[in-house]
C-alpha atoms as a PDB file:
ATOM      1  CA  MET A   1     -50.821  21.589  39.186  1.00  0.00           C
ATOM      2  CA  ASN A   2     -49.541  19.455  40.257  1.00  0.00           C
ATOM      3  CA  ARG A   3     -50.113  17.374  36.641  1.00  0.00           C
ATOM      4  CA  TRP A   4     -49.183  20.076  34.478  1.00  0.00           C
ATOM      5  CA  ALA A   5     -45.953  20.303  36.583  1.00  0.00           C
ATOM      6  CA  ILE A   6     -45.148  16.685  36.365  1.00  0.00           C
ATOM      7  CA  GLY A   7     -45.875  16.679  32.435  1.00  0.00           C
ATOM      8  CA  LEU A   8     -43.029  19.411  32.163  1.00  0.00           C
ATOM      9  CA  VAL A   9     -40.692  18.290  34.130  1.00  0.00           C
ATOM     10  CA  ALA A  10     -41.328  14.360  32.217  1.00  0.00           C
ATOM     11  CA  LEU A  11     -41.123  16.710  28.531  1.00  0.00           C
ATOM     12  CA  GLY A  12     -37.574  18.688  29.597  1.00  0.00           C
ATOM     13  CA  GLY A  13     -36.113  15.111  30.413  1.00  0.00           C
ATOM     14  CA  THR A  14     -37.898  13.926  27.298  1.00  0.00           C
ATOM     15  CA  LEU A  15     -35.763  16.429  25.505  1.00  0.00           C
ATOM     16  CA  MET A  16     -32.481  16.749  27.098  1.00  0.00           C
ATOM     17  CA  VAL A  17     -31.856  12.435  26.253  1.00  0.00           C
ATOM     18  CA  GLY A  18     -32.861  13.874  22.979  1.00  0.00           C
ATOM     19  CA  THR A  19     -30.289  16.387  22.709  1.00  0.00           C
ATOM     20  CA  GLY A  20     -27.678  14.143  24.414  1.00  0.00           C
ATOM     21  CA  LEU A  21     -28.319  11.345  21.919  1.00  0.00           C
ATOM     22  CA  GLN A  22     -27.541  13.831  18.512  1.00  0.00           C
ATOM     23  CA  ALA A  23     -24.885  15.047  20.036  1.00  0.00           C
ATOM     24  CA  HIS A  24     -23.677  12.200  20.165  1.00  0.00           C
ATOM     25  CA  HIS A  25     -23.792  11.044  16.556  1.00  0.00           C
ATOM     26  CA  SER A  26     -22.800  14.422  15.387  1.00  0.00           C
ATOM     27  CA  VAL A  27     -19.482  14.013  13.433  1.00  0.00           C
ATOM     28  CA  ALA A  28     -20.482  17.425  11.976  1.00  0.00           C
ATOM     29  CA  GLY A  29     -19.851  18.702  14.978  1.00  0.00           C
ATOM     30  CA  VAL A  30     -16.038  17.187  16.393  1.00  0.00           C
ATOM     31  CA  TYR A  31     -14.670  16.333  12.749  1.00  0.00           C
ATOM     32  CA  ASP A  32     -14.079  19.096   9.763  1.00  0.00           C
ATOM     33  CA  LEU A  33     -16.005  17.571   6.916  1.00  0.00           C
ATOM     34  CA  HIS A  34     -14.473  20.078   4.647  1.00  0.00           C
ATOM     35  CA  THR A  35     -10.724  18.828   4.834  1.00  0.00           C
ATOM     36  CA  GLU A  36      -9.636  15.221   4.081  1.00  0.00           C
ATOM     37  CA  VAL A  37      -5.951  14.129   5.614  1.00  0.00           C
ATOM     38  CA  VAL A  38      -3.981  10.961   4.607  1.00  0.00           C
ATOM     39  CA  LEU A  39      -2.187   9.078   6.806  1.00  0.00           C
ATOM     40  CA  GLU A  40       0.044   6.260   6.499  1.00  0.00           C
ATOM     41  CA  GLY A  41       1.297   4.393   9.448  1.00  0.00           C
ATOM     42  CA  GLN A  42       1.330   1.139  11.104  1.00  0.00           C
ATOM     43  CA  LEU A  43      -2.033  -0.566  13.029  1.00  0.00           C
ATOM     44  CA  ALA A  44      -1.424  -0.119  17.275  1.00  0.00           C
ATOM     45  CA  LYS A  45      -4.979  -1.435  17.716  1.00  0.00           C
ATOM     46  CA  LEU A  46      -8.114  -1.860  16.202  1.00  0.00           C
ATOM     47  CA  ASN A  47     -11.597  -1.840  18.785  1.00  0.00           C
ATOM     48  CA  VAL A  48     -13.805  -3.250  16.274  1.00  0.00           C
ATOM     49  CA  ARG A  49     -17.328  -2.246  18.370  1.00  0.00           C
ATOM     50  CA  ASN A  50     -20.322  -0.531  18.408  1.00  0.00           C
ATOM     51  CA  PRO A  51     -22.060   2.228  18.321  1.00  0.00           C
ATOM     52  CA  HIS A  52     -18.053   3.344  16.257  1.00  0.00           C
ATOM     53  CA  SER A  53     -15.382   1.240  16.002  1.00  0.00           C
ATOM     54  CA  ASN A  54     -11.293   2.518  16.264  1.00  0.00           C
ATOM     55  CA  ILE A  55      -7.885   2.062  15.276  1.00  0.00           C
ATOM     56  CA  VAL A  56      -4.853   3.534  17.182  1.00  0.00           C
ATOM     57  CA  LEU A  57      -2.390   4.385  14.090  1.00  0.00           C
ATOM     58  CA  THR A  58       1.085   5.269  14.638  1.00  0.00           C
ATOM     59  CA  VAL A  59       1.980   7.155  11.889  1.00  0.00           C
ATOM     60  CA  PRO A  60       6.058   8.640  11.786  1.00  0.00           C
ATOM     61  CA  ASN A  61       6.476  12.341  11.438  1.00  0.00           C
ATOM     62  CA  PRO A  62       9.320  13.753   9.310  1.00  0.00           C
ATOM     63  CA  ASP A  63      11.670  14.636  12.216  1.00  0.00           C
ATOM     64  CA  GLY A  64      12.046  10.715  12.908  1.00  0.00           C
ATOM     65  CA  THR A  65       9.295  10.607  16.025  1.00  0.00           C
ATOM     66  CA  THR A  66       5.963   9.567  15.574  1.00  0.00           C
ATOM     67  CA  THR A  67       2.601  10.002  16.821  1.00  0.00           C
ATOM     68  CA  GLU A  68      -0.424   8.008  17.460  1.00  0.00           C
ATOM     69  CA  TRP A  69      -3.680   9.100  15.809  1.00  0.00           C
ATOM     70  CA  THR A  70      -6.750   7.659  17.163  1.00  0.00           C
ATOM     71  CA  LEU A  71      -9.016   7.033  14.087  1.00  0.00           C
ATOM     72  CA  THR A  72     -13.024   6.900  14.524  1.00  0.00           C
ATOM     73  CA  THR A  73     -14.756   4.569  12.265  1.00  0.00           C
ATOM     74  CA  ALA A  74     -18.092   2.690  11.450  1.00  0.00           C
ATOM     75  CA  THR A  75     -19.895   0.057  13.141  1.00  0.00           C
ATOM     76  CA  VAL A  76     -19.239  -3.776  13.309  1.00  0.00           C
ATOM     77  CA  GLY A  77     -21.862  -4.152  10.649  1.00  0.00           C
ATOM     78  CA  ALA A  78     -20.343  -1.953   8.517  1.00  0.00           C
ATOM     79  CA  LEU A  79     -17.098  -2.836   8.634  1.00  0.00           C
ATOM     80  CA  SER A  80     -17.934  -7.020   8.234  1.00  0.00           C
ATOM     81  CA  ARG A  81     -19.593  -6.125   5.145  1.00  0.00           C
ATOM     82  CA  GLN A  82     -16.644  -4.106   3.592  1.00  0.00           C
ATOM     83  CA  GLY A  83     -14.741  -7.308   4.598  1.00  0.00           C
ATOM     84  CA  VAL A  84     -13.109  -5.996   8.204  1.00  0.00           C
ATOM     85  CA  THR A  85     -13.210  -8.026  11.295  1.00  0.00           C
ATOM     86  CA  ARG A  86     -11.153  -8.454  14.214  1.00  0.00           C
ATOM     87  CA  THR A  87      -9.429 -11.050  12.420  1.00  0.00           C
ATOM     88  CA  THR A  88      -8.511  -8.693   9.085  1.00  0.00           C
ATOM     89  CA  LEU A  89      -6.373  -5.989  10.856  1.00  0.00           C
ATOM     90  CA  LYS A  90      -3.122  -7.415  12.854  1.00  0.00           C
ATOM     91  CA  PRO A  91      -0.868  -4.871  14.924  1.00  0.00           C
ATOM     92  CA  GLY A  92       2.052  -3.021  12.842  1.00  0.00           C
ATOM     93  CA  GLU A  93       0.374  -3.658   9.898  1.00  0.00           C
ATOM     94  CA  PRO A  94       0.607  -1.049   7.361  1.00  0.00           C
ATOM     95  CA  LEU A  95      -2.157   1.336   6.629  1.00  0.00           C
ATOM     96  CA  LYS A  96      -3.234   4.238   4.575  1.00  0.00           C
ATOM     97  CA  VAL A  97      -6.402   6.038   5.783  1.00  0.00           C
ATOM     98  CA  THR A  98      -8.005   8.762   4.548  1.00  0.00           C
ATOM     99  CA  VAL A  99      -9.542  10.950   7.571  1.00  0.00           C
ATOM    100  CA  LEU A 100     -11.690  13.995   8.792  1.00  0.00           C
ATOM    101  CA  PRO A 101      -9.380  15.669  11.250  1.00  0.00           C
ATOM    102  CA  ALA A 102     -10.173  16.780  14.620  1.00  0.00           C
ATOM    103  CA  ARG A 103     -12.115  20.216  14.309  1.00  0.00           C
ATOM    104  CA  ASN A 104      -9.648  20.733  18.054  1.00  0.00           C
ATOM    105  CA  GLY A 105      -6.473  19.847  16.117  1.00  0.00           C
ATOM    106  CA  ASP A 106      -6.297  16.704  18.290  1.00  0.00           C
ATOM    107  CA  ALA A 107      -3.894  13.642  16.832  1.00  0.00           C
ATOM    108  CA  ALA A 108      -8.045  11.964  15.414  1.00  0.00           C
ATOM    109  CA  GLY A 109      -9.835  11.800  12.889  1.00  0.00           C
ATOM    110  CA  PHE A 110     -12.558   9.755  11.040  1.00  0.00           C
ATOM    111  CA  ILE A 111     -12.306   7.312   8.743  1.00  0.00           C
ATOM    112  CA  ARG A 112     -13.699   8.043   5.364  1.00  0.00           C
ATOM    113  CA  SER A 113     -11.385   5.134   3.811  1.00  0.00           C
ATOM    114  CA  LEU A 114      -8.644   2.259   4.300  1.00  0.00           C
ATOM    115  CA  GLU A 115      -6.049   0.941   2.687  1.00  0.00           C
ATOM    116  CA  PHE A 116      -4.362  -2.363   3.949  1.00  0.00           C
ATOM    117  CA  GLY A 117      -2.411  -5.448   1.965  1.00  0.00           C
ATOM    118  CA  ASP A 118      -3.129  -5.529  -1.199  1.00  0.00           C
ATOM    119  CA  ARG A 119      -6.646  -4.389  -1.409  1.00  0.00           C
ATOM    120  CA  GLY A 120      -7.311  -1.158  -2.643  1.00  0.00           C
ATOM    121  CA  PRO A 121      -9.579   1.539  -0.870  1.00  0.00           C
ATOM    122  CA  ILE A 122     -12.520   0.568   1.573  1.00  0.00           C
ATOM    123  CA  ASP A 123     -14.512   3.501   1.366  1.00  0.00           C
ATOM    124  CA  LEU A 124     -16.402   3.615   4.817  1.00  0.00           C
ATOM    125  CA  VAL A 125     -20.007   5.663   4.935  1.00  0.00           C
ATOM    126  CA  ILE A 126     -20.639   7.840   8.093  1.00  0.00           C
ATOM    127  CA  GLU A 127     -23.354   5.812   9.901  1.00  0.00           C
END
């Protein structure tokens, strides 16, 4: 009976860990995959790291205020393959991004494409 109980606990633990990992990478669970929003603003911060890099973008509002959007993007490897590194983008630089907005209405999104400088849009793959 002890062997059966230990096996059941081990199976339960494995299932819980697997579910947590899958939920962490569920882009569809956090972002609206059917809506794209185009944002134009200035780069406030760039965090290039794994598993996902992120950008803080200061976007002007029609009333003269600004909103800071926290935007998640691809892995370090995917960004570098597109020519985006820690030194490519500088704070204050104007950016245009197309994002999948957060489902909960927060100023957050997942970047689909990024435009800066004289470069055209860089498509970023969801990983």
